[in-house]
């Protein structure tokens, strides 16, 4: 019998980090939080790692499956840590490996932030 637990299911109705840019100006806290996310994604290696996790089957990937991005393993760990600190990824240790997941609510919020509001 395995001791692996299923990853937590995030609430799809969770409130986004901030409103769409076309809705109203961001307040200082929203701007800080959003800037951290975009800054984390501003590095090509981090963007590749984020994309590898997001596109991996089930939206979750073992670090062993995504570390081939042209940098050393310690550098991969550093970049994954930055993505996690920015709130873009969550992780879970299973034995000797760490599995990373994209936070769906955050991804949806970033998409909504950049989506222009529909005109009536």
PDB file of N, CA and C in Angstrom:
ATOM      1  N   UNK A   1       0.847  -1.177   0.000  1.00  0.00           N
ATOM      2  CA  UNK A   1       0.000   0.000   0.000  1.00  0.00           C
ATOM      3  C   UNK A   1       0.890   1.237   0.000  1.00  0.00           C
ATOM      4  N   UNK A   2       0.574   2.195  -0.802  1.00  0.00           N
ATOM      5  CA  UNK A   2       1.363   3.415  -0.945  1.00  0.00           C
ATOM      6  C   UNK A   2       0.964   4.449   0.096  1.00  0.00           C
ATOM      7  N   UNK A   3       1.934   5.247   0.526  1.00  0.00           N
ATOM      8  CA  UNK A   3       1.631   6.321   1.466  1.00  0.00           C
ATOM      9  C   UNK A   3       1.513   7.665   0.771  1.00  0.00           C
ATOM     10  N   UNK A   4       1.419   7.640  -0.557  1.00  0.00           N
ATOM     11  CA  UNK A   4       1.298   8.863  -1.342  1.00  0.00           C
ATOM     12  C   UNK A   4      -0.127   9.377  -1.249  1.00  0.00           C
ATOM     13  N   UNK A   5      -0.257  10.647  -0.945  1.00  0.00           N
ATOM     14  CA  UNK A   5      -1.583  11.247  -0.867  1.00  0.00           C
ATOM     15  C   UNK A   5      -1.849  12.058  -2.121  1.00  0.00           C
ATOM     16  N   UNK A   6      -3.089  12.161  -2.470  1.00  0.00           N
ATOM     17  CA  UNK A   6      -3.470  12.953  -3.633  1.00  0.00           C
ATOM     18  C   UNK A   6      -3.242  14.427  -3.337  1.00  0.00           C
ATOM     19  N   UNK A   7      -2.873  15.211  -4.359  1.00  0.00           N
ATOM     20  CA  UNK A   7      -2.690  16.637  -4.135  1.00  0.00           C
ATOM     21  C   UNK A   7      -4.022  17.288  -3.779  1.00  0.00           C
ATOM     22  N   UNK A   8      -3.980  18.361  -3.004  1.00  0.00           N
ATOM     23  CA  UNK A   8      -5.232  19.009  -2.638  1.00  0.00           C
ATOM     24  C   UNK A   8      -5.900  19.623  -3.865  1.00  0.00           C
ATOM     25  N   UNK A   9      -7.203  19.590  -3.877  1.00  0.00           N
ATOM     26  CA  UNK A   9      -7.962  20.202  -4.963  1.00  0.00           C
ATOM     27  C   UNK A   9      -8.245  21.646  -4.571  1.00  0.00           C
ATOM     28  N   UNK A  10      -7.812  22.555  -5.418  1.00  0.00           N
ATOM     29  CA  UNK A  10      -8.037  23.967  -5.125  1.00  0.00           C
ATOM     30  C   UNK A  10      -9.431  24.376  -5.554  1.00  0.00           C
ATOM     31  N   UNK A  11      -9.984  25.295  -4.848  1.00  0.00           N
ATOM     32  CA  UNK A  11     -11.316  25.797  -5.127  1.00  0.00           C
ATOM     33  C   UNK A  11     -11.308  26.581  -6.430  1.00  0.00           C
ATOM     34  N   UNK A  12     -12.008  26.094  -7.461  1.00  0.00           N
ATOM     35  CA  UNK A  12     -12.028  26.818  -8.732  1.00  0.00           C
ATOM     36  C   UNK A  12     -12.717  28.174  -8.630  1.00  0.00           C
ATOM     37  N   UNK A  13     -13.481  28.376  -7.567  1.00  0.00           N
ATOM     38  CA  UNK A  13     -14.174  29.641  -7.358  1.00  0.00           C
ATOM     39  C   UNK A  13     -13.359  30.604  -6.498  1.00  0.00           C
ATOM     40  N   UNK A  14     -12.102  30.253  -6.210  1.00  0.00           N
ATOM     41  CA  UNK A  14     -11.261  31.105  -5.362  1.00  0.00           C
ATOM     42  C   UNK A  14     -11.118  32.487  -5.977  1.00  0.00           C
ATOM     43  N   UNK A  15     -11.061  33.485  -5.119  1.00  0.00           N
ATOM     44  CA  UNK A  15     -10.959  34.850  -5.622  1.00  0.00           C
ATOM     45  C   UNK A  15      -9.600  35.075  -6.252  1.00  0.00           C
ATOM     46  N   UNK A  16      -9.563  35.773  -7.361  1.00  0.00           N
ATOM     47  CA  UNK A  16      -8.301  36.017  -8.055  1.00  0.00           C
ATOM     48  C   UNK A  16      -7.428  36.994  -7.284  1.00  0.00           C
ATOM     49  N   UNK A  17      -6.166  37.093  -7.718  1.00  0.00           N
ATOM     50  CA  UNK A  17      -5.238  37.988  -7.028  1.00  0.00           C
ATOM     51  C   UNK A  17      -5.619  39.441  -7.214  1.00  0.00           C
ATOM     52  N   UNK A  18      -6.200  39.759  -8.321  1.00  0.00           N
ATOM     53  CA  UNK A  18      -6.553  41.149  -8.585  1.00  0.00           C
ATOM     54  C   UNK A  18      -7.517  41.231  -9.767  1.00  0.00           C
ATOM     55  N   UNK A  19      -8.142  42.377  -9.941  1.00  0.00           N
ATOM     56  CA  UNK A  19      -9.125  42.526 -11.019  1.00  0.00           C
ATOM     57  C   UNK A  19      -8.428  42.690 -12.369  1.00  0.00           C
ATOM     58  N   UNK A  20      -9.169  42.494 -13.463  1.00  0.00           N
ATOM     59  CA  UNK A  20      -8.588  42.784 -14.775  1.00  0.00           C
ATOM     60  C   UNK A  20      -8.104  44.232 -14.837  1.00  0.00           C
ATOM     61  N   UNK A  21      -7.043  44.471 -15.563  1.00  0.00           N
ATOM     62  CA  UNK A  21      -6.467  45.809 -15.644  1.00  0.00           C
ATOM     63  C   UNK A  21      -7.443  46.829 -16.225  1.00  0.00           C
ATOM     64  N   UNK A  22      -8.388  46.345 -17.011  1.00  0.00           N
ATOM     65  CA  UNK A  22      -9.350  47.259 -17.613  1.00  0.00           C
ATOM     66  C   UNK A  22     -10.503  47.595 -16.679  1.00  0.00           C
ATOM     67  N   UNK A  23     -10.590  46.908 -15.546  1.00  0.00           N
ATOM     68  CA  UNK A  23     -11.698  47.137 -14.611  1.00  0.00           C
ATOM     69  C   UNK A  23     -11.459  48.362 -13.728  1.00  0.00           C
ATOM     70  N   UNK A  24     -10.265  48.436 -13.128  1.00  0.00           N
ATOM     71  CA  UNK A  24      -9.909  49.549 -12.252  1.00  0.00           C
ATOM     72  C   UNK A  24      -8.406  49.494 -12.008  1.00  0.00           C
ATOM     73  N   UNK A  25      -7.822  50.586 -11.548  1.00  0.00           N
ATOM     74  CA  UNK A  25      -6.393  50.555 -11.231  1.00  0.00           C
ATOM     75  C   UNK A  25      -6.121  49.611 -10.047  1.00  0.00           C
ATOM     76  N   UNK A  26      -4.981  48.939 -10.083  1.00  0.00           N
ATOM     77  CA  UNK A  26      -4.585  48.068  -8.977  1.00  0.00           C
ATOM     78  C   UNK A  26      -4.210  48.904  -7.768  1.00  0.00           C
ATOM     79  N   UNK A  27      -4.531  48.412  -6.567  1.00  0.00           N
ATOM     80  CA  UNK A  27      -4.039  49.101  -5.380  1.00  0.00           C
ATOM     81  C   UNK A  27      -2.595  48.638  -5.140  1.00  0.00           C
ATOM     82  N   UNK A  28      -1.931  49.217  -4.165  1.00  0.00           N
ATOM     83  CA  UNK A  28      -0.507  48.946  -3.937  1.00  0.00           C
ATOM     84  C   UNK A  28      -0.244  47.472  -3.631  1.00  0.00           C
ATOM     85  N   UNK A  29      -1.075  46.864  -2.799  1.00  0.00           N
ATOM     86  CA  UNK A  29      -0.885  45.448  -2.437  1.00  0.00           C
ATOM     87  C   UNK A  29      -1.077  44.542  -3.652  1.00  0.00           C
ATOM     88  N   UNK A  30      -2.115  44.793  -4.432  1.00  0.00           N
ATOM     89  CA  UNK A  30      -2.365  43.988  -5.634  1.00  0.00           C
ATOM     90  C   UNK A  30      -1.206  44.119  -6.616  1.00  0.00           C
ATOM     91  N   UNK A  31      -0.696  45.328  -6.771  1.00  0.00           N
ATOM     92  CA  UNK A  31       0.411  45.560  -7.694  1.00  0.00           C
ATOM     93  C   UNK A  31       1.672  44.830  -7.238  1.00  0.00           C
ATOM     94  N   UNK A  32       1.962  44.852  -5.930  1.00  0.00           N
ATOM     95  CA  UNK A  32       3.136  44.148  -5.393  1.00  0.00           C
ATOM     96  C   UNK A  32       3.031  42.643  -5.639  1.00  0.00           C
ATOM     97  N   UNK A  33       1.885  42.074  -5.311  1.00  0.00           N
ATOM     98  CA  UNK A  33       1.662  40.633  -5.464  1.00  0.00           C
ATOM     99  C   UNK A  33       1.766  40.224  -6.934  1.00  0.00           C
ATOM    100  N   UNK A  34       1.159  40.995  -7.805  1.00  0.00           N
ATOM    101  CA  UNK A  34       1.168  40.673  -9.227  1.00  0.00           C
ATOM    102  C   UNK A  34       2.558  40.856  -9.822  1.00  0.00           C
ATOM    103  N   UNK A  35       3.263  41.885  -9.401  1.00  0.00           N
ATOM    104  CA  UNK A  35       4.618  42.124  -9.906  1.00  0.00           C
ATOM    105  C   UNK A  35       5.548  40.971  -9.534  1.00  0.00           C
ATOM    106  N   UNK A  36       5.400  40.413  -8.326  1.00  0.00           N
ATOM    107  CA  UNK A  36       6.224  39.259  -7.923  1.00  0.00           C
ATOM    108  C   UNK A  36       5.994  38.084  -8.866  1.00  0.00           C
ATOM    109  N   UNK A  37       4.742  37.876  -9.244  1.00  0.00           N
ATOM    110  CA  UNK A  37       4.433  36.759 -10.147  1.00  0.00           C
ATOM    111  C   UNK A  37       5.046  36.983 -11.522  1.00  0.00           C
ATOM    112  N   UNK A  38       4.847  38.177 -12.067  1.00  0.00           N
ATOM    113  CA  UNK A  38       5.393  38.453 -13.396  1.00  0.00           C
ATOM    114  C   UNK A  38       6.917  38.486 -13.378  1.00  0.00           C
ATOM    115  N   UNK A  39       7.504  38.976 -12.295  1.00  0.00           N
ATOM    116  CA  UNK A  39       8.965  38.982 -12.183  1.00  0.00           C
ATOM    117  C   UNK A  39       9.492  37.557 -12.194  1.00  0.00           C
ATOM    118  N   UNK A  40       8.822  36.673 -11.464  1.00  0.00           N
ATOM    119  CA  UNK A  40       9.238  35.271 -11.441  1.00  0.00           C
ATOM    120  C   UNK A  40       9.156  34.651 -12.838  1.00  0.00           C
ATOM    121  N   UNK A  41       8.149  35.020 -13.599  1.00  0.00           N
ATOM    122  CA  UNK A  41       7.982  34.473 -14.950  1.00  0.00           C
ATOM    123  C   UNK A  41       8.842  35.194 -15.984  1.00  0.00           C
ATOM    124  N   UNK A  42       9.500  36.282 -15.579  1.00  0.00           N
ATOM    125  CA  UNK A  42      10.309  37.065 -16.501  1.00  0.00           C
ATOM    126  C   UNK A  42      11.640  36.425 -16.859  1.00  0.00           C
ATOM    127  N   UNK A  43      12.025  35.376 -16.175  1.00  0.00           N
ATOM    128  CA  UNK A  43      13.264  34.667 -16.474  1.00  0.00           C
ATOM    129  C   UNK A  43      12.947  33.513 -17.422  1.00  0.00           C
ATOM    130  N   UNK A  44      13.690  33.370 -18.528  1.00  0.00           N
ATOM    131  CA  UNK A  44      13.380  32.300 -19.500  1.00  0.00           C
ATOM    132  C   UNK A  44      13.423  30.889 -18.915  1.00  0.00           C
ATOM    133  N   UNK A  45      14.366  30.614 -18.019  1.00  0.00           N
ATOM    134  CA  UNK A  45      14.440  29.280 -17.414  1.00  0.00           C
ATOM    135  C   UNK A  45      13.213  29.041 -16.532  1.00  0.00           C
ATOM    136  N   UNK A  46      12.829  30.040 -15.752  1.00  0.00           N
ATOM    137  CA  UNK A  46      11.638  29.887 -14.900  1.00  0.00           C
ATOM    138  C   UNK A  46      10.390  29.707 -15.741  1.00  0.00           C
ATOM    139  N   UNK A  47      10.295  30.447 -16.816  1.00  0.00           N
ATOM    140  CA  UNK A  47       9.136  30.312 -17.694  1.00  0.00           C
ATOM    141  C   UNK A  47       9.081  28.911 -18.297  1.00  0.00           C
ATOM    142  N   UNK A  48      10.234  28.371 -18.690  1.00  0.00           N
ATOM    143  CA  UNK A  48      10.270  27.004 -19.220  1.00  0.00           C
ATOM    144  C   UNK A  48       9.866  25.992 -18.159  1.00  0.00           C
ATOM    145  N   UNK A  49      10.362  26.158 -16.931  1.00  0.00           N
ATOM    146  CA  UNK A  49       9.998  25.243 -15.848  1.00  0.00           C
ATOM    147  C   UNK A  49       8.506  25.328 -15.539  1.00  0.00           C
ATOM    148  N   UNK A  50       7.989  26.546 -15.472  1.00  0.00           N
ATOM    149  CA  UNK A  50       6.565  26.749 -15.209  1.00  0.00           C
ATOM    150  C   UNK A  50       5.732  26.084 -16.307  1.00  0.00           C
ATOM    151  N   UNK A  51       6.145  26.274 -17.541  1.00  0.00           N
ATOM    152  CA  UNK A  51       5.451  25.670 -18.673  1.00  0.00           C
ATOM    153  C   UNK A  51       5.531  24.147 -18.618  1.00  0.00           C
ATOM    154  N   UNK A  52       6.688  23.623 -18.215  1.00  0.00           N
ATOM    155  CA  UNK A  52       6.844  22.169 -18.116  1.00  0.00           C
ATOM    156  C   UNK A  52       5.904  21.586 -17.074  1.00  0.00           C
ATOM    157  N   UNK A  53       5.761  22.255 -15.956  1.00  0.00           N
ATOM    158  CA  UNK A  53       4.843  21.779 -14.912  1.00  0.00           C
ATOM    159  C   UNK A  53       3.406  21.911 -15.398  1.00  0.00           C
ATOM    160  N   UNK A  54       3.067  23.067 -15.933  1.00  0.00           N
ATOM    161  CA  UNK A  54       1.689  23.328 -16.361  1.00  0.00           C
ATOM    162  C   UNK A  54       1.235  22.369 -17.459  1.00  0.00           C
ATOM    163  N   UNK A  55       2.143  22.008 -18.353  1.00  0.00           N
ATOM    164  CA  UNK A  55       1.763  21.157 -19.480  1.00  0.00           C
ATOM    165  C   UNK A  55       1.947  19.671 -19.184  1.00  0.00           C
ATOM    166  N   UNK A  56       2.517  19.348 -18.043  1.00  0.00           N
ATOM    167  CA  UNK A  56       2.724  17.943 -17.685  1.00  0.00           C
ATOM    168  C   UNK A  56       1.389  17.299 -17.395  1.00  0.00           C
ATOM    169  N   UNK A  57       1.292  16.018 -17.686  1.00  0.00           N
ATOM    170  CA  UNK A  57       0.047  15.280 -17.462  1.00  0.00           C
ATOM    171  C   UNK A  57      -0.435  15.460 -16.031  1.00  0.00           C
ATOM    172  N   UNK A  58      -1.661  15.897 -15.872  1.00  0.00           N
ATOM    173  CA  UNK A  58      -2.249  16.105 -14.558  1.00  0.00           C
ATOM    174  C   UNK A  58      -1.882  17.432 -13.923  1.00  0.00           C
ATOM    175  N   UNK A  59      -1.116  18.279 -14.639  1.00  0.00           N
ATOM    176  CA  UNK A  59      -0.735  19.576 -14.093  1.00  0.00           C
ATOM    177  C   UNK A  59       0.227  19.474 -12.918  1.00  0.00           C
ATOM    178  N   UNK A  60       0.915  18.337 -12.831  1.00  0.00           N
ATOM    179  CA  UNK A  60       1.842  18.096 -11.728  1.00  0.00           C
ATOM    180  C   UNK A  60       3.038  17.344 -12.291  1.00  0.00           C
ATOM    181  N   UNK A  61       4.249  17.718 -11.843  1.00  0.00           N
ATOM    182  CA  UNK A  61       5.442  17.061 -12.350  1.00  0.00           C
ATOM    183  C   UNK A  61       6.479  16.877 -11.256  1.00  0.00           C
ATOM    184  N   UNK A  62       7.158  15.748 -11.335  1.00  0.00           N
ATOM    185  CA  UNK A  62       8.284  15.480 -10.449  1.00  0.00           C
ATOM    186  C   UNK A  62       9.458  16.316 -10.947  1.00  0.00           C
ATOM    187  N   UNK A  63      10.239  16.820 -10.029  1.00  0.00           N
ATOM    188  CA  UNK A  63      11.403  17.611 -10.415  1.00  0.00           C
ATOM    189  C   UNK A  63      12.315  16.797 -11.334  1.00  0.00           C
ATOM    190  N   UNK A  64      12.322  15.488 -11.177  1.00  0.00           N
ATOM    191  CA  UNK A  64      13.158  14.636 -12.019  1.00  0.00           C
ATOM    192  C   UNK A  64      12.697  14.642 -13.481  1.00  0.00           C
ATOM    193  N   UNK A  65      11.429  14.990 -13.729  1.00  0.00           N
ATOM    194  CA  UNK A  65      10.886  14.995 -15.092  1.00  0.00           C
ATOM    195  C   UNK A  65      11.043  16.329 -15.812  1.00  0.00           C
ATOM    196  N   UNK A  66      11.377  17.387 -15.085  1.00  0.00           N
ATOM    197  CA  UNK A  66      11.380  18.724 -15.708  1.00  0.00           C
ATOM    198  C   UNK A  66      12.713  19.438 -15.610  1.00  0.00           C
ATOM    199  N   UNK A  67      13.755  18.762 -15.131  1.00  0.00           N
ATOM    200  CA  UNK A  67      15.017  19.446 -14.857  1.00  0.00           C
ATOM    201  C   UNK A  67      15.919  19.611 -16.077  1.00  0.00           C
ATOM    202  N   UNK A  68      15.502  19.144 -17.237  1.00  0.00           N
ATOM    203  CA  UNK A  68      16.316  19.265 -18.443  1.00  0.00           C
ATOM    204  C   UNK A  68      16.012  20.586 -19.166  1.00  0.00           C
ATOM    205  N   UNK A  69      16.480  21.690 -18.572  1.00  0.00           N
ATOM    206  CA  UNK A  69      16.252  23.014 -19.165  1.00  0.00           C
ATOM    207  C   UNK A  69      17.568  23.743 -19.449  1.00  0.00           C
ATOM    208  N   UNK A  70      18.662  22.980 -19.476  1.00  0.00           N
ATOM    209  CA  UNK A  70      19.944  23.565 -19.857  1.00  0.00           C
ATOM    210  C   UNK A  70      20.733  24.218 -18.740  1.00  0.00           C
ATOM    211  N   UNK A  71      20.335  24.019 -17.493  1.00  0.00           N
ATOM    212  CA  UNK A  71      21.080  24.552 -16.351  1.00  0.00           C
ATOM    213  C   UNK A  71      21.286  23.422 -15.351  1.00  0.00           C
ATOM    214  N   UNK A  72      22.178  23.636 -14.396  1.00  0.00           N
ATOM    215  CA  UNK A  72      22.479  22.605 -13.401  1.00  0.00           C
ATOM    216  C   UNK A  72      21.288  22.365 -12.469  1.00  0.00           C
ATOM    217  N   UNK A  73      21.309  21.213 -11.803  1.00  0.00           N
ATOM    218  CA  UNK A  73      20.214  20.869 -10.899  1.00  0.00           C
ATOM    219  C   UNK A  73      20.060  21.874  -9.760  1.00  0.00           C
ATOM    220  N   UNK A  74      21.144  22.369  -9.143  1.00  0.00           N
ATOM    221  CA  UNK A  74      20.953  23.388  -8.104  1.00  0.00           C
ATOM    222  C   UNK A  74      20.291  24.659  -8.635  1.00  0.00           C
ATOM    223  N   UNK A  75      20.583  25.004  -9.875  1.00  0.00           N
ATOM    224  CA  UNK A  75      19.958  26.182 -10.482  1.00  0.00           C
ATOM    225  C   UNK A  75      18.477  25.928 -10.737  1.00  0.00           C
ATOM    226  N   UNK A  76      18.138  24.715 -11.163  1.00  0.00           N
ATOM    227  CA  UNK A  76      16.726  24.349 -11.340  1.00  0.00           C
ATOM    228  C   UNK A  76      15.996  24.492 -10.011  1.00  0.00           C
ATOM    229  N   UNK A  77      16.592  23.979  -8.934  1.00  0.00           N
ATOM    230  CA  UNK A  77      15.972  24.083  -7.607  1.00  0.00           C
ATOM    231  C   UNK A  77      15.773  25.535  -7.198  1.00  0.00           C
ATOM    232  N   UNK A  78      16.755  26.378  -7.490  1.00  0.00           N
ATOM    233  CA  UNK A  78      16.651  27.811  -7.182  1.00  0.00           C
ATOM    234  C   UNK A  78      15.461  28.433  -7.922  1.00  0.00           C
ATOM    235  N   UNK A  79      15.348  28.141  -9.200  1.00  0.00           N
ATOM    236  CA  UNK A  79      14.261  28.723  -9.998  1.00  0.00           C
ATOM    237  C   UNK A  79      12.896  28.205  -9.556  1.00  0.00           C
ATOM    238  N   UNK A  80      12.808  26.924  -9.219  1.00  0.00           N
ATOM    239  CA  UNK A  80      11.543  26.385  -8.724  1.00  0.00           C
ATOM    240  C   UNK A  80      11.167  27.027  -7.392  1.00  0.00           C
ATOM    241  N   UNK A  81      12.163  27.287  -6.558  1.00  0.00           N
ATOM    242  CA  UNK A  81      11.918  27.966  -5.280  1.00  0.00           C
ATOM    243  C   UNK A  81      11.345  29.363  -5.526  1.00  0.00           C
ATOM    244  N   UNK A  82      11.903  30.094  -6.491  1.00  0.00           N
ATOM    245  CA  UNK A  82      11.416  31.441  -6.810  1.00  0.00           C
ATOM    246  C   UNK A  82       9.966  31.389  -7.310  1.00  0.00           C
ATOM    247  N   UNK A  83       9.643  30.405  -8.154  1.00  0.00           N
ATOM    248  CA  UNK A  83       8.266  30.262  -8.646  1.00  0.00           C
ATOM    249  C   UNK A  83       7.318  29.928  -7.492  1.00  0.00           C
ATOM    250  N   UNK A  84       7.794  29.124  -6.577  1.00  0.00           N
ATOM    251  CA  UNK A  84       6.977  28.768  -5.414  1.00  0.00           C
ATOM    252  C   UNK A  84       6.777  29.979  -4.511  1.00  0.00           C
ATOM    253  N   UNK A  85       7.843  30.739  -4.262  1.00  0.00           N
ATOM    254  CA  UNK A  85       7.739  31.939  -3.423  1.00  0.00           C
ATOM    255  C   UNK A  85       6.797  32.972  -4.024  1.00  0.00           C
ATOM    256  N   UNK A  86       6.721  33.014  -5.348  1.00  0.00           N
ATOM    257  CA  UNK A  86       5.824  33.950  -6.027  1.00  0.00           C
ATOM    258  C   UNK A  86       4.374  33.470  -6.006  1.00  0.00           C
ATOM    259  N   UNK A  87       4.157  32.257  -5.522  1.00  0.00           N
ATOM    260  CA  UNK A  87       2.793  31.736  -5.433  1.00  0.00           C
ATOM    261  C   UNK A  87       2.301  31.075  -6.699  1.00  0.00           C
ATOM    262  N   UNK A  88       3.194  30.832  -7.648  1.00  0.00           N
ATOM    263  CA  UNK A  88       2.789  30.243  -8.915  1.00  0.00           C
ATOM    264  C   UNK A  88       2.769  28.721  -8.878  1.00  0.00           C
ATOM    265  N   UNK A  89       3.575  28.140  -8.003  1.00  0.00           N
ATOM    266  CA  UNK A  89       3.644  26.689  -7.864  1.00  0.00           C
ATOM    267  C   UNK A  89       3.484  26.311  -6.398  1.00  0.00           C
ATOM    268  N   UNK A  90       3.024  25.094  -6.181  1.00  0.00           N
ATOM    269  CA  UNK A  90       3.066  24.504  -4.853  1.00  0.00           C
ATOM    270  C   UNK A  90       3.837  23.198  -5.006  1.00  0.00           C
ATOM    271  N   UNK A  91       4.308  22.657  -3.895  1.00  0.00           N
ATOM    272  CA  UNK A  91       5.100  21.433  -3.987  1.00  0.00           C
ATOM    273  C   UNK A  91       4.747  20.475  -2.862  1.00  0.00           C
ATOM    274  N   UNK A  92       5.115  19.227  -3.097  1.00  0.00           N
ATOM    275  CA  UNK A  92       4.889  18.180  -2.111  1.00  0.00           C
ATOM    276  C   UNK A  92       6.017  17.171  -2.234  1.00  0.00           C
ATOM    277  N   UNK A  93       6.658  16.860  -1.111  1.00  0.00           N
ATOM    278  CA  UNK A  93       7.721  15.857  -1.112  1.00  0.00           C
ATOM    279  C   UNK A  93       7.091  14.481  -0.995  1.00  0.00           C
ATOM    280  N   UNK A  94       7.516  13.584  -1.883  1.00  0.00           N
ATOM    281  CA  UNK A  94       7.074  12.185  -1.855  1.00  0.00           C
ATOM    282  C   UNK A  94       8.328  11.324  -1.913  1.00  0.00           C
ATOM    283  N   UNK A  95       8.708  10.816  -0.791  1.00  0.00           N
ATOM    284  CA  UNK A  95       9.952  10.046  -0.719  1.00  0.00           C
ATOM    285  C   UNK A  95      11.126  10.974  -0.953  1.00  0.00           C
ATOM    286  N   UNK A  96      11.945  10.656  -1.942  1.00  0.00           N
ATOM    287  CA  UNK A  96      13.118  11.491  -2.224  1.00  0.00           C
ATOM    288  C   UNK A  96      12.844  12.559  -3.274  1.00  0.00           C
ATOM    289  N   UNK A  97      11.675  12.532  -3.902  1.00  0.00           N
ATOM    290  CA  UNK A  97      11.373  13.479  -4.980  1.00  0.00           C
ATOM    291  C   UNK A  97      10.381  14.536  -4.525  1.00  0.00           C
ATOM    292  N   UNK A  98      10.461  15.676  -5.165  1.00  0.00           N
ATOM    293  CA  UNK A  98       9.510  16.759  -4.922  1.00  0.00           C
ATOM    294  C   UNK A  98       8.659  16.907  -6.170  1.00  0.00           C
ATOM    295  N   UNK A  99       7.357  16.982  -5.979  1.00  0.00           N
ATOM    296  CA  UNK A  99       6.409  17.154  -7.071  1.00  0.00           C
ATOM    297  C   UNK A  99       5.868  18.577  -7.014  1.00  0.00           C
ATOM    298  N   UNK A 100       5.797  19.215  -8.180  1.00  0.00           N
ATOM    299  CA  UNK A 100       5.325  20.591  -8.278  1.00  0.00           C
ATOM    300  C   UNK A 100       4.005  20.627  -9.026  1.00  0.00           C
ATOM    301  N   UNK A 101       3.140  21.534  -8.596  1.00  0.00           N
ATOM    302  CA  UNK A 101       1.829  21.753  -9.221  1.00  0.00           C
ATOM    303  C   UNK A 101       1.648  23.229  -9.507  1.00  0.00           C
ATOM    304  N   UNK A 102       0.964  23.514 -10.586  1.00  0.00           N
ATOM    305  CA  UNK A 102       0.558  24.879 -10.889  1.00  0.00           C
ATOM    306  C   UNK A 102      -0.653  25.176 -10.031  1.00  0.00           C
ATOM    307  N   UNK A 103      -0.688  26.359  -9.461  1.00  0.00           N
ATOM    308  CA  UNK A 103      -1.846  26.777  -8.687  1.00  0.00           C
ATOM    309  C   UNK A 103      -2.895  27.294  -9.678  1.00  0.00           C
ATOM    310  N   UNK A 104      -3.949  26.519  -9.944  1.00  0.00           N
ATOM    311  CA  UNK A 104      -4.921  26.899 -10.963  1.00  0.00           C
ATOM    312  C   UNK A 104      -5.577  28.254 -10.726  1.00  0.00           C
ATOM    313  N   UNK A 105      -5.887  28.581  -9.492  1.00  0.00           N
ATOM    314  CA  UNK A 105      -6.546  29.860  -9.210  1.00  0.00           C
ATOM    315  C   UNK A 105      -5.636  31.030  -9.570  1.00  0.00           C
ATOM    316  N   UNK A 106      -4.345  30.867  -9.309  1.00  0.00           N
ATOM    317  CA  UNK A 106      -3.396  31.935  -9.624  1.00  0.00           C
ATOM    318  C   UNK A 106      -3.227  32.063 -11.134  1.00  0.00           C
ATOM    319  N   UNK A 107      -3.140  30.932 -11.815  1.00  0.00           N
ATOM    320  CA  UNK A 107      -3.002  30.951 -13.275  1.00  0.00           C
ATOM    321  C   UNK A 107      -4.224  31.608 -13.914  1.00  0.00           C
ATOM    322  N   UNK A 108      -5.402  31.266 -13.427  1.00  0.00           N
ATOM    323  CA  UNK A 108      -6.633  31.874 -13.950  1.00  0.00           C
ATOM    324  C   UNK A 108      -6.652  33.368 -13.669  1.00  0.00           C
ATOM    325  N   UNK A 109      -6.185  33.761 -12.486  1.00  0.00           N
ATOM    326  CA  UNK A 109      -6.175  35.175 -12.126  1.00  0.00           C
ATOM    327  C   UNK A 109      -5.220  35.966 -13.008  1.00  0.00           C
ATOM    328  N   UNK A 110      -4.043  35.399 -13.301  1.00  0.00           N
ATOM    329  CA  UNK A 110      -3.101  36.090 -14.189  1.00  0.00           C
ATOM    330  C   UNK A 110      -3.690  36.242 -15.589  1.00  0.00           C
ATOM    331  N   UNK A 111      -4.366  35.187 -16.056  1.00  0.00           N
ATOM    332  CA  UNK A 111      -5.013  35.267 -17.362  1.00  0.00           C
ATOM    333  C   UNK A 111      -6.119  36.315 -17.379  1.00  0.00           C
ATOM    334  N   UNK A 112      -6.912  36.341 -16.323  1.00  0.00           N
ATOM    335  CA  UNK A 112      -8.007  37.316 -16.240  1.00  0.00           C
ATOM    336  C   UNK A 112      -7.469  38.735 -16.125  1.00  0.00           C
ATOM    337  N   UNK A 113      -6.340  38.887 -15.449  1.00  0.00           N
ATOM    338  CA  UNK A 113      -5.740  40.197 -15.286  1.00  0.00           C
ATOM    339  C   UNK A 113      -5.429  40.828 -16.647  1.00  0.00           C
ATOM    340  N   UNK A 114      -4.951  39.994 -17.571  1.00  0.00           N
ATOM    341  CA  UNK A 114      -4.534  40.508 -18.879  1.00  0.00           C
ATOM    342  C   UNK A 114      -5.624  40.467 -19.931  1.00  0.00           C
ATOM    343  N   UNK A 115      -6.741  39.865 -19.599  1.00  0.00           N
ATOM    344  CA  UNK A 115      -7.848  39.759 -20.552  1.00  0.00           C
ATOM    345  C   UNK A 115      -8.673  41.045 -20.502  1.00  0.00           C
ATOM    346  N   UNK A 116      -8.880  41.595 -21.661  1.00  0.00           N
ATOM    347  CA  UNK A 116      -9.688  42.811 -21.717  1.00  0.00           C
ATOM    348  C   UNK A 116     -11.144  42.466 -21.445  1.00  0.00           C
ATOM    349  N   UNK A 117     -11.782  43.282 -20.672  1.00  0.00           N
ATOM    350  CA  UNK A 117     -13.200  43.060 -20.368  1.00  0.00           C
ATOM    351  C   UNK A 117     -14.010  43.101 -21.665  1.00  0.00           C
ATOM    352  N   UNK A 118     -14.980  42.216 -21.750  1.00  0.00           N
ATOM    353  CA  UNK A 118     -15.830  42.164 -22.932  1.00  0.00           C
ATOM    354  C   UNK A 118     -16.677  43.432 -23.018  1.00  0.00           C
ATOM    355  N   UNK A 119     -16.814  43.936 -24.215  1.00  0.00           N
ATOM    356  CA  UNK A 119     -17.643  45.124 -24.407  1.00  0.00           C
ATOM    357  C   UNK A 119     -19.063  44.691 -24.717  1.00  0.00           C
ATOM    358  N   UNK A 120     -19.983  45.451 -24.215  1.00  0.00           N
ATOM    359  CA  UNK A 120     -21.400  45.105 -24.417  1.00  0.00           C
ATOM    360  C   UNK A 120     -21.886  45.590 -25.744  1.00  0.00           C
TER     361      UNK A 120
END
